[in-house]
Amino acid sequence: MEIWINPACSKCRGAVKLLDAEGAEYTVRRYLEDPPNEEELRTVLARLGLEPWDITRTQEAEARELGLKEWPRQPGERDRWITALAEHPRLIQRPIITADDGSAVVARTDDAVREALSRQVPPAAH
């Protein structure tokens, strides 16, 4: 399991706290310092079952500068959105947890974190 976080975000800190409380094994990706490339974003979007505009923080200053609210939200514009997220990782909704079963969730609530935890593959018995 991997969690993409911004340590300054209270939702991210809450998700990590819950993962720790549940004894989950996970890796942390500080996505502002280690931004995902376009291919990684496509993979995570497929795992989430979402479109890039669904995980875009349109209230950020960078989003306003780019005029994202006016961008069309249709399949032909998908690559444009993914490029914007790769070039401006601050626009990516957080936290995102990728689970061992190949799924992913935007873990902004405790329930979403628990959903990701429920999708974990239990460690093999010794």
N, C-alpha and C. Protein backbone atom coordinates (compact mmCIF):
# COMPACT_ATOMS: atom_id res chain seq x y z
N MET A 1 0.86 -1.17 0.00
CA MET A 1 0.00 0.00 0.00
C MET A 1 0.90 1.23 0.00
N GLU A 2 0.48 2.21 -0.78
CA GLU A 2 1.21 3.47 -0.82
C GLU A 2 0.20 4.59 -0.59
N ILE A 3 0.64 5.64 0.11
CA ILE A 3 -0.21 6.80 0.31
C ILE A 3 0.53 8.03 -0.18
N TRP A 4 -0.15 8.79 -1.05
CA TRP A 4 0.40 10.05 -1.55
C TRP A 4 -0.08 11.14 -0.60
N ILE A 5 0.87 11.85 0.00
CA ILE A 5 0.49 12.88 0.97
C ILE A 5 1.23 14.19 0.75
N ASN A 6 0.63 15.21 1.32
CA ASN A 6 1.27 16.50 1.54
C ASN A 6 1.27 16.63 3.07
N PRO A 7 2.45 16.60 3.72
CA PRO A 7 2.48 16.62 5.18
C PRO A 7 1.79 17.83 5.81
N ALA A 8 1.62 18.91 5.04
CA ALA A 8 0.95 20.10 5.57
C ALA A 8 -0.57 19.96 5.60
N CYS A 9 -1.09 18.90 5.00
CA CYS A 9 -2.53 18.69 4.87
C CYS A 9 -3.08 17.91 6.06
N SER A 10 -4.09 18.44 6.70
CA SER A 10 -4.67 17.77 7.88
C SER A 10 -5.33 16.45 7.49
N LYS A 11 -5.95 16.36 6.31
CA LYS A 11 -6.57 15.10 5.87
C LYS A 11 -5.49 14.03 5.69
N CYS A 12 -4.34 14.43 5.17
CA CYS A 12 -3.24 13.47 4.98
C CYS A 12 -2.71 13.00 6.33
N ARG A 13 -2.51 13.93 7.24
CA ARG A 13 -2.02 13.55 8.57
C ARG A 13 -3.01 12.63 9.27
N GLY A 14 -4.31 12.90 9.11
CA GLY A 14 -5.33 12.05 9.72
C GLY A 14 -5.32 10.66 9.13
N ALA A 15 -5.12 10.55 7.81
CA ALA A 15 -5.09 9.24 7.15
C ALA A 15 -3.89 8.44 7.63
N VAL A 16 -2.72 9.09 7.72
CA VAL A 16 -1.52 8.40 8.20
C VAL A 16 -1.70 7.95 9.65
N LYS A 17 -2.30 8.79 10.45
CA LYS A 17 -2.54 8.44 11.86
C LYS A 17 -3.43 7.20 11.95
N LEU A 18 -4.47 7.15 11.13
CA LEU A 18 -5.37 5.99 11.15
C LEU A 18 -4.65 4.74 10.64
N LEU A 19 -3.86 4.87 9.59
CA LEU A 19 -3.09 3.72 9.09
C LEU A 19 -2.17 3.19 10.19
N ASP A 20 -1.51 4.11 10.89
CA ASP A 20 -0.61 3.70 11.98
C ASP A 20 -1.40 3.02 13.10
N ALA A 21 -2.55 3.58 13.45
CA ALA A 21 -3.38 3.01 14.53
C ALA A 21 -3.84 1.60 14.17
N GLU A 22 -4.03 1.35 12.87
CA GLU A 22 -4.48 0.03 12.42
C GLU A 22 -3.32 -0.93 12.17
N GLY A 23 -2.10 -0.44 12.37
CA GLY A 23 -0.92 -1.28 12.16
C GLY A 23 -0.68 -1.62 10.70
N ALA A 24 -1.12 -0.77 9.80
CA ALA A 24 -0.97 -1.04 8.36
C ALA A 24 0.48 -0.89 7.93
N GLU A 25 0.86 -1.71 6.95
CA GLU A 25 2.16 -1.57 6.32
C GLU A 25 1.95 -0.74 5.06
N TYR A 26 2.69 0.36 4.95
CA TYR A 26 2.52 1.24 3.81
C TYR A 26 3.79 2.05 3.59
N THR A 27 3.88 2.61 2.39
CA THR A 27 4.95 3.54 2.09
C THR A 27 4.33 4.91 1.84
N VAL A 28 5.08 5.93 2.19
CA VAL A 28 4.62 7.31 2.02
C VAL A 28 5.30 7.91 0.80
N ARG A 29 4.51 8.55 -0.02
CA ARG A 29 5.05 9.32 -1.13
C ARG A 29 4.64 10.77 -0.94
N ARG A 30 5.62 11.61 -0.70
CA ARG A 30 5.36 13.05 -0.60
C ARG A 30 5.31 13.58 -2.04
N TYR A 31 4.12 13.60 -2.58
CA TYR A 31 3.98 13.81 -4.02
C TYR A 31 4.35 15.22 -4.48
N LEU A 32 4.49 16.17 -3.56
CA LEU A 32 4.96 17.50 -3.98
C LEU A 32 6.47 17.47 -4.19
N GLU A 33 7.18 16.64 -3.41
CA GLU A 33 8.63 16.50 -3.55
C GLU A 33 8.99 15.47 -4.60
N ASP A 34 8.13 14.47 -4.79
CA ASP A 34 8.34 13.37 -5.72
C ASP A 34 7.08 13.23 -6.58
N PRO A 35 6.86 14.21 -7.49
CA PRO A 35 5.61 14.23 -8.23
C PRO A 35 5.46 13.04 -9.18
N PRO A 36 4.23 12.55 -9.31
CA PRO A 36 3.98 11.47 -10.26
C PRO A 36 4.11 11.98 -11.69
N ASN A 37 4.60 11.13 -12.56
CA ASN A 37 4.64 11.50 -13.97
C ASN A 37 3.28 11.17 -14.61
N GLU A 38 3.15 11.49 -15.88
CA GLU A 38 1.86 11.30 -16.55
C GLU A 38 1.43 9.84 -16.54
N GLU A 39 2.37 8.92 -16.76
CA GLU A 39 2.02 7.50 -16.78
C GLU A 39 1.54 7.04 -15.40
N GLU A 40 2.21 7.49 -14.34
CA GLU A 40 1.77 7.13 -12.99
C GLU A 40 0.38 7.68 -12.71
N LEU A 41 0.11 8.89 -13.18
CA LEU A 41 -1.22 9.47 -12.99
C LEU A 41 -2.28 8.67 -13.74
N ARG A 42 -1.97 8.24 -14.95
CA ARG A 42 -2.93 7.42 -15.71
C ARG A 42 -3.23 6.12 -14.97
N THR A 43 -2.18 5.51 -14.41
CA THR A 43 -2.35 4.26 -13.67
C THR A 43 -3.22 4.47 -12.44
N VAL A 44 -2.94 5.52 -11.67
CA VAL A 44 -3.72 5.79 -10.46
C VAL A 44 -5.17 6.13 -10.83
N LEU A 45 -5.36 6.89 -11.88
CA LEU A 45 -6.74 7.21 -12.31
C LEU A 45 -7.50 5.95 -12.68
N ALA A 46 -6.83 5.02 -13.37
CA ALA A 46 -7.48 3.75 -13.72
C ALA A 46 -7.84 2.98 -12.46
N ARG A 47 -6.92 2.97 -11.48
CA ARG A 47 -7.17 2.26 -10.23
C ARG A 47 -8.31 2.91 -9.44
N LEU A 48 -8.39 4.24 -9.53
CA LEU A 48 -9.45 4.96 -8.83
C LEU A 48 -10.79 4.84 -9.57
N GLY A 49 -10.73 4.60 -10.88
CA GLY A 49 -11.94 4.61 -11.70
C GLY A 49 -12.46 6.03 -11.89
N LEU A 50 -11.53 7.01 -11.92
CA LEU A 50 -11.91 8.41 -12.02
C LEU A 50 -11.21 9.07 -13.21
N GLU A 51 -11.69 10.25 -13.54
CA GLU A 51 -11.07 11.07 -14.58
C GLU A 51 -10.16 12.10 -13.91
N PRO A 52 -9.21 12.68 -14.65
CA PRO A 52 -8.29 13.62 -14.00
C PRO A 52 -8.98 14.82 -13.36
N TRP A 53 -10.05 15.29 -13.96
CA TRP A 53 -10.76 16.44 -13.37
C TRP A 53 -11.43 16.07 -12.05
N ASP A 54 -11.66 14.77 -11.84
CA ASP A 54 -12.27 14.32 -10.58
C ASP A 54 -11.31 14.42 -9.40
N ILE A 55 -10.00 14.44 -9.68
CA ILE A 55 -9.01 14.51 -8.58
C ILE A 55 -8.22 15.82 -8.62
N THR A 56 -8.79 16.83 -9.27
CA THR A 56 -8.12 18.12 -9.40
C THR A 56 -8.66 19.10 -8.37
N ARG A 57 -7.74 19.73 -7.67
CA ARG A 57 -8.09 20.75 -6.68
C ARG A 57 -8.25 22.08 -7.41
N THR A 58 -9.48 22.37 -7.81
CA THR A 58 -9.73 23.55 -8.65
C THR A 58 -9.72 24.86 -7.88
N GLN A 59 -9.65 24.80 -6.55
CA GLN A 59 -9.63 26.03 -5.75
C GLN A 59 -8.21 26.57 -5.54
N GLU A 60 -7.20 25.79 -5.91
CA GLU A 60 -5.81 26.22 -5.73
C GLU A 60 -5.51 27.41 -6.66
N ALA A 61 -4.58 28.27 -6.22
CA ALA A 61 -4.18 29.42 -7.03
C ALA A 61 -3.70 28.99 -8.41
N GLU A 62 -2.93 27.91 -8.47
CA GLU A 62 -2.42 27.42 -9.76
C GLU A 62 -3.58 27.05 -10.70
N ALA A 63 -4.64 26.49 -10.15
CA ALA A 63 -5.80 26.11 -10.96
C ALA A 63 -6.46 27.36 -11.54
N ARG A 64 -6.56 28.39 -10.73
CA ARG A 64 -7.15 29.65 -11.21
C ARG A 64 -6.27 30.26 -12.29
N GLU A 65 -4.93 30.22 -12.08
CA GLU A 65 -4.01 30.77 -13.08
C GLU A 65 -4.13 30.03 -14.41
N LEU A 66 -4.33 28.72 -14.36
CA LEU A 66 -4.45 27.92 -15.58
C LEU A 66 -5.86 27.99 -16.18
N GLY A 67 -6.83 28.51 -15.41
CA GLY A 67 -8.21 28.58 -15.87
C GLY A 67 -8.89 27.22 -15.94
N LEU A 68 -8.49 26.31 -15.03
CA LEU A 68 -9.00 24.94 -15.07
C LEU A 68 -10.51 24.82 -15.00
N LYS A 69 -11.16 25.70 -14.28
CA LYS A 69 -12.61 25.59 -14.16
C LYS A 69 -13.31 25.70 -15.51
N GLU A 70 -12.65 26.36 -16.47
CA GLU A 70 -13.24 26.52 -17.80
C GLU A 70 -12.83 25.41 -18.75
N TRP A 71 -11.87 24.56 -18.38
CA TRP A 71 -11.43 23.50 -19.28
C TRP A 71 -12.55 22.49 -19.48
N PRO A 72 -12.73 22.03 -20.73
CA PRO A 72 -13.74 20.99 -20.97
C PRO A 72 -13.40 19.71 -20.21
N ARG A 73 -14.43 19.06 -19.73
CA ARG A 73 -14.28 17.79 -19.00
C ARG A 73 -14.84 16.68 -19.88
N GLN A 74 -14.05 16.30 -20.86
CA GLN A 74 -14.48 15.27 -21.80
C GLN A 74 -13.25 14.46 -22.22
N PRO A 75 -13.48 13.25 -22.73
CA PRO A 75 -12.37 12.34 -23.04
C PRO A 75 -11.27 12.96 -23.90
N GLY A 76 -11.61 13.79 -24.86
CA GLY A 76 -10.61 14.40 -25.72
C GLY A 76 -9.66 15.35 -25.00
N GLU A 77 -10.04 15.80 -23.82
CA GLU A 77 -9.24 16.74 -23.04
C GLU A 77 -8.46 16.05 -21.92
N ARG A 78 -8.62 14.75 -21.79
CA ARG A 78 -8.03 13.99 -20.67
C ARG A 78 -6.51 14.20 -20.57
N ASP A 79 -5.80 14.10 -21.71
CA ASP A 79 -4.34 14.24 -21.68
C ASP A 79 -3.93 15.63 -21.21
N ARG A 80 -4.66 16.63 -21.61
CA ARG A 80 -4.36 18.01 -21.18
C ARG A 80 -4.44 18.12 -19.66
N TRP A 81 -5.46 17.52 -19.07
CA TRP A 81 -5.63 17.54 -17.62
C TRP A 81 -4.51 16.78 -16.93
N ILE A 82 -4.17 15.60 -17.46
CA ILE A 82 -3.11 14.78 -16.86
C ILE A 82 -1.77 15.53 -16.92
N THR A 83 -1.49 16.18 -18.02
CA THR A 83 -0.27 16.98 -18.14
C THR A 83 -0.25 18.08 -17.08
N ALA A 84 -1.38 18.74 -16.89
CA ALA A 84 -1.45 19.82 -15.89
C ALA A 84 -1.19 19.27 -14.49
N LEU A 85 -1.74 18.10 -14.16
CA LEU A 85 -1.52 17.51 -12.84
C LEU A 85 -0.06 17.11 -12.66
N ALA A 86 0.56 16.57 -13.72
CA ALA A 86 1.97 16.19 -13.63
C ALA A 86 2.86 17.42 -13.45
N GLU A 87 2.52 18.50 -14.13
CA GLU A 87 3.33 19.72 -14.06
C GLU A 87 3.04 20.55 -12.81
N HIS A 88 1.87 20.36 -12.23
CA HIS A 88 1.45 21.13 -11.05
C HIS A 88 0.88 20.16 -10.00
N PRO A 89 1.74 19.36 -9.35
CA PRO A 89 1.24 18.33 -8.44
C PRO A 89 0.40 18.87 -7.27
N ARG A 90 0.54 20.14 -6.95
CA ARG A 90 -0.27 20.72 -5.88
C ARG A 90 -1.77 20.62 -6.22
N LEU A 91 -2.08 20.44 -7.49
CA LEU A 91 -3.48 20.36 -7.92
C LEU A 91 -4.10 18.98 -7.68
N ILE A 92 -3.27 18.00 -7.32
CA ILE A 92 -3.78 16.63 -7.12
C ILE A 92 -4.47 16.53 -5.77
N GLN A 93 -5.70 16.03 -5.80
CA GLN A 93 -6.45 15.81 -4.56
C GLN A 93 -5.68 14.83 -3.67
N ARG A 94 -5.78 14.98 -2.39
CA ARG A 94 -5.00 14.17 -1.46
C ARG A 94 -5.82 13.82 -0.24
N PRO A 95 -5.42 12.81 0.48
CA PRO A 95 -4.43 11.80 0.13
C PRO A 95 -5.02 10.75 -0.80
N ILE A 96 -4.16 10.09 -1.55
CA ILE A 96 -4.57 8.97 -2.39
C ILE A 96 -3.85 7.73 -1.86
N ILE A 97 -4.63 6.68 -1.62
CA ILE A 97 -4.06 5.41 -1.17
C ILE A 97 -4.24 4.39 -2.28
N THR A 98 -3.13 3.74 -2.65
CA THR A 98 -3.20 2.63 -3.59
C THR A 98 -3.11 1.34 -2.77
N ALA A 99 -4.11 0.50 -2.93
CA ALA A 99 -4.20 -0.74 -2.14
C ALA A 99 -3.55 -1.90 -2.89
N ASP A 100 -3.24 -2.94 -2.13
CA ASP A 100 -2.56 -4.11 -2.69
C ASP A 100 -3.40 -4.85 -3.73
N ASP A 101 -4.71 -4.70 -3.68
CA ASP A 101 -5.56 -5.44 -4.62
C ASP A 101 -5.67 -4.76 -5.99
N GLY A 102 -4.90 -3.67 -6.18
CA GLY A 102 -4.92 -2.97 -7.46
C GLY A 102 -5.88 -1.80 -7.50
N SER A 103 -6.64 -1.58 -6.44
CA SER A 103 -7.57 -0.46 -6.40
C SER A 103 -6.88 0.75 -5.75
N ALA A 104 -7.59 1.85 -5.70
CA ALA A 104 -7.10 3.05 -5.04
C ALA A 104 -8.31 3.84 -4.55
N VAL A 105 -8.08 4.68 -3.54
CA VAL A 105 -9.13 5.56 -3.03
C VAL A 105 -8.55 6.93 -2.73
N VAL A 106 -9.39 7.95 -2.90
CA VAL A 106 -9.06 9.28 -2.40
C VAL A 106 -9.51 9.25 -0.94
N ALA A 107 -8.54 9.24 -0.04
CA ALA A 107 -8.80 8.93 1.37
C ALA A 107 -9.00 10.18 2.23
N ARG A 108 -10.00 10.98 1.90
CA ARG A 108 -10.24 12.22 2.63
C ARG A 108 -11.08 12.01 3.89
N THR A 109 -11.60 10.80 4.07
CA THR A 109 -12.38 10.49 5.27
C THR A 109 -11.82 9.23 5.92
N ASP A 110 -12.12 9.04 7.20
CA ASP A 110 -11.71 7.81 7.88
C ASP A 110 -12.32 6.60 7.20
N ASP A 111 -13.57 6.72 6.74
CA ASP A 111 -14.22 5.60 6.06
C ASP A 111 -13.47 5.20 4.79
N ALA A 112 -12.98 6.19 4.05
CA ALA A 112 -12.22 5.89 2.83
C ALA A 112 -10.91 5.20 3.17
N VAL A 113 -10.25 5.63 4.24
CA VAL A 113 -9.01 4.96 4.68
C VAL A 113 -9.32 3.52 5.06
N ARG A 114 -10.40 3.32 5.80
CA ARG A 114 -10.79 1.95 6.20
C ARG A 114 -11.12 1.10 4.97
N GLU A 115 -11.72 1.72 3.96
CA GLU A 115 -12.03 1.00 2.73
C GLU A 115 -10.73 0.50 2.09
N ALA A 116 -9.72 1.36 2.04
CA ALA A 116 -8.41 0.94 1.48
C ALA A 116 -7.82 -0.17 2.33
N LEU A 117 -7.92 -0.06 3.64
CA LEU A 117 -7.39 -1.09 4.52
C LEU A 117 -8.10 -2.43 4.29
N SER A 118 -9.39 -2.37 4.02
CA SER A 118 -10.16 -3.61 3.81
C SER A 118 -9.75 -4.32 2.51
N ARG A 119 -9.11 -3.60 1.63
CA ARG A 119 -8.69 -4.17 0.35
C ARG A 119 -7.28 -4.74 0.37
N GLN A 120 -6.65 -4.67 1.52
CA GLN A 120 -5.29 -5.17 1.64
C GLN A 120 -5.25 -6.69 1.60
N VAL A 121 -4.21 -7.19 1.00
CA VAL A 121 -3.98 -8.62 0.96
C VAL A 121 -3.29 -9.00 2.27
N PRO A 122 -3.89 -9.91 3.07
CA PRO A 122 -3.25 -10.24 4.34
C PRO A 122 -1.88 -10.88 4.12
N PRO A 123 -0.95 -10.64 5.04
CA PRO A 123 0.37 -11.27 4.90
C PRO A 123 0.25 -12.78 4.94
N ALA A 124 1.10 -13.44 4.21
CA ALA A 124 1.06 -14.91 4.18
C ALA A 124 1.43 -15.47 5.54
N ALA A 125 0.74 -16.55 5.92
CA ALA A 125 1.02 -17.21 7.20
C ALA A 125 2.38 -17.89 7.11
N HIS A 126 3.09 -17.86 8.21
CA HIS A 126 4.44 -18.48 8.24
C HIS A 126 4.34 -19.89 8.74
